[in-house]
């Protein structure tokens, strides 16, 4: 398991269907072990700046990236599709 449960990570790619962007921070809430036909995955929770849940989504391990010490979080407002 690359990402520990309840740790923070960032999206490694845009998820336009969820109005999420690469770099958005998420919290890992469940590990989904893979097999020959499916990669390892995670269920992550996306919250707003007040800590309210925006969505919960299952992602493959490759769709997440570890946080880096020199990154600066920012605030953005999703635009409705």
C-alpha atoms as a PDB file:
ATOM      1  CA  UNK A   1       0.000   0.000   0.000  1.00  0.00           C
ATOM      2  CA  UNK A   2       1.649   3.212  -1.214  1.00  0.00           C
ATOM      3  CA  UNK A   3      -0.707   5.630   0.564  1.00  0.00           C
ATOM      4  CA  UNK A   4      -1.538   5.168   4.241  1.00  0.00           C
ATOM      5  CA  UNK A   5      -5.168   5.314   5.315  1.00  0.00           C
ATOM      6  CA  UNK A   6      -6.279   8.794   6.441  1.00  0.00           C
ATOM      7  CA  UNK A   7      -3.213  10.410   4.895  1.00  0.00           C
ATOM      8  CA  UNK A   8      -3.411  13.275   2.429  1.00  0.00           C
ATOM      9  CA  UNK A   9      -2.509  12.973  -1.241  1.00  0.00           C
ATOM     10  CA  UNK A  10      -3.050  15.027  -4.392  1.00  0.00           C
ATOM     11  CA  UNK A  11      -4.738  14.184  -7.650  1.00  0.00           C
ATOM     12  CA  UNK A  12      -2.245  13.325 -10.387  1.00  0.00           C
ATOM     13  CA  UNK A  13      -4.723  14.206 -13.152  1.00  0.00           C
ATOM     14  CA  UNK A  14      -7.876  16.215 -13.782  1.00  0.00           C
ATOM     15  CA  UNK A  15     -11.224  14.532 -13.112  1.00  0.00           C
ATOM     16  CA  UNK A  16     -13.584  16.754 -15.118  1.00  0.00           C
ATOM     17  CA  UNK A  17     -16.638  14.571 -14.420  1.00  0.00           C
ATOM     18  CA  UNK A  18     -16.179  15.429 -10.707  1.00  0.00           C
ATOM     19  CA  UNK A  19     -15.001  19.033 -11.370  1.00  0.00           C
ATOM     20  CA  UNK A  20     -11.631  18.203  -9.797  1.00  0.00           C
ATOM     21  CA  UNK A  21      -8.224  19.362 -10.975  1.00  0.00           C
ATOM     22  CA  UNK A  22      -4.737  17.902 -10.871  1.00  0.00           C
ATOM     23  CA  UNK A  23      -3.178  18.910  -7.557  1.00  0.00           C
ATOM     24  CA  UNK A  24      -6.441  19.012  -5.569  1.00  0.00           C
ATOM     25  CA  UNK A  25      -5.830  17.525  -2.133  1.00  0.00           C
ATOM     26  CA  UNK A  26      -7.733  14.438  -1.018  1.00  0.00           C
ATOM     27  CA  UNK A  27      -7.797  12.162   2.025  1.00  0.00           C
ATOM     28  CA  UNK A  28      -7.289   8.426   1.543  1.00  0.00           C
ATOM     29  CA  UNK A  29     -10.094   6.561   3.323  1.00  0.00           C
ATOM     30  CA  UNK A  30      -9.885   3.012   1.943  1.00  0.00           C
ATOM     31  CA  UNK A  31      -7.404   0.756   0.143  1.00  0.00           C
ATOM     32  CA  UNK A  32      -8.631  -1.383  -2.779  1.00  0.00           C
ATOM     33  CA  UNK A  33      -6.165  -4.197  -3.494  1.00  0.00           C
ATOM     34  CA  UNK A  34      -5.716  -4.952  -7.171  1.00  0.00           C
ATOM     35  CA  UNK A  35      -5.284  -8.157  -9.143  1.00  0.00           C
ATOM     36  CA  UNK A  36      -4.040  -9.208 -12.592  1.00  0.00           C
ATOM     37  CA  UNK A  37      -6.734  -7.219 -14.397  1.00  0.00           C
ATOM     38  CA  UNK A  38      -7.137  -4.237 -12.040  1.00  0.00           C
ATOM     39  CA  UNK A  39      -4.454  -2.026 -10.445  1.00  0.00           C
ATOM     40  CA  UNK A  40      -4.361  -1.176  -6.747  1.00  0.00           C
ATOM     41  CA  UNK A  41      -6.751   1.607  -5.923  1.00  0.00           C
ATOM     42  CA  UNK A  42      -8.061   3.854  -3.191  1.00  0.00           C
ATOM     43  CA  UNK A  43     -11.263   5.479  -2.108  1.00  0.00           C
ATOM     44  CA  UNK A  44     -10.591   9.130  -1.400  1.00  0.00           C
ATOM     45  CA  UNK A  45     -12.634  11.912   0.143  1.00  0.00           C
ATOM     46  CA  UNK A  46     -12.540  15.419  -1.282  1.00  0.00           C
ATOM     47  CA  UNK A  47     -13.480  18.202   1.119  1.00  0.00           C
ATOM     48  CA  UNK A  48     -13.977  21.930   0.780  1.00  0.00           C
ATOM     49  CA  UNK A  49     -11.957  24.451   2.795  1.00  0.00           C
ATOM     50  CA  UNK A  50     -14.435  24.144   5.681  1.00  0.00           C
ATOM     51  CA  UNK A  51     -13.939  20.374   5.884  1.00  0.00           C
ATOM     52  CA  UNK A  52     -17.316  19.442   4.385  1.00  0.00           C
ATOM     53  CA  UNK A  53     -17.322  16.470   2.024  1.00  0.00           C
ATOM     54  CA  UNK A  54     -17.580  17.432  -1.653  1.00  0.00           C
ATOM     55  CA  UNK A  55     -17.398  13.883  -3.018  1.00  0.00           C
ATOM     56  CA  UNK A  56     -16.005  10.427  -2.414  1.00  0.00           C
ATOM     57  CA  UNK A  57     -14.416   8.690  -5.379  1.00  0.00           C
ATOM     58  CA  UNK A  58     -12.519   5.469  -6.145  1.00  0.00           C
ATOM     59  CA  UNK A  59      -9.237   5.997  -8.014  1.00  0.00           C
ATOM     60  CA  UNK A  60      -6.364   3.880  -9.241  1.00  0.00           C
ATOM     61  CA  UNK A  61      -3.033   4.335  -7.491  1.00  0.00           C
ATOM     62  CA  UNK A  62      -1.656   6.083 -10.602  1.00  0.00           C
ATOM     63  CA  UNK A  63      -4.280   8.830 -10.276  1.00  0.00           C
ATOM     64  CA  UNK A  64      -2.762   9.947  -6.951  1.00  0.00           C
ATOM     65  CA  UNK A  65       0.539  11.554  -6.070  1.00  0.00           C
ATOM     66  CA  UNK A  66       2.297  12.058  -2.771  1.00  0.00           C
ATOM     67  CA  UNK A  67       2.447  15.548  -1.305  1.00  0.00           C
ATOM     68  CA  UNK A  68       5.750  17.380  -1.542  1.00  0.00           C
ATOM     69  CA  UNK A  69       7.104  19.643   1.218  1.00  0.00           C
ATOM     70  CA  UNK A  70       7.479  22.783  -0.915  1.00  0.00           C
ATOM     71  CA  UNK A  71       3.928  22.694  -2.371  1.00  0.00           C
ATOM     72  CA  UNK A  72       1.565  25.537  -1.497  1.00  0.00           C
ATOM     73  CA  UNK A  73      -2.157  24.697  -1.270  1.00  0.00           C
ATOM     74  CA  UNK A  74      -4.556  27.146  -2.863  1.00  0.00           C
ATOM     75  CA  UNK A  75      -8.274  27.802  -2.927  1.00  0.00           C
ATOM     76  CA  UNK A  76     -10.384  27.549  -6.062  1.00  0.00           C
ATOM     77  CA  UNK A  77     -14.108  27.481  -6.743  1.00  0.00           C
ATOM     78  CA  UNK A  78     -15.245  24.744  -9.146  1.00  0.00           C
ATOM     79  CA  UNK A  79     -17.150  25.997 -12.162  1.00  0.00           C
ATOM     80  CA  UNK A  80     -20.366  24.155 -12.936  1.00  0.00           C
ATOM     81  CA  UNK A  81     -20.208  22.080 -16.120  1.00  0.00           C
END
